[in-house]
């Protein structure tokens, strides 16, 4: 394990110490977990954005999409336990 120096403003350090005490862990353990969680969240956000951009490119290339009202009706039906078939993609170019 490597050592890293982290300089914190006093108010941030006090918040971390108080939160660590509340959770029953050391301030060090609290900060390690907070950094880990933030790094995982950043990776997930980057992956989400990459997936969204790929989906957008695929949609623009294919010209196919779904009508919002059909998607909303499908989701409402599924949420209410109604068995319905998925909406069909339609060409935006028609």
Foldseek 3Di string as FASTA:
>chain_A
DDDDDDDDDPVVLVVLCVVCVVVVHHSVVSVVVVVVVVVVVVVVVVVVVVVVVVVVVVCVVVQKDFDPVQQVVVVVCVVVVHDDDHGDIDHNVD
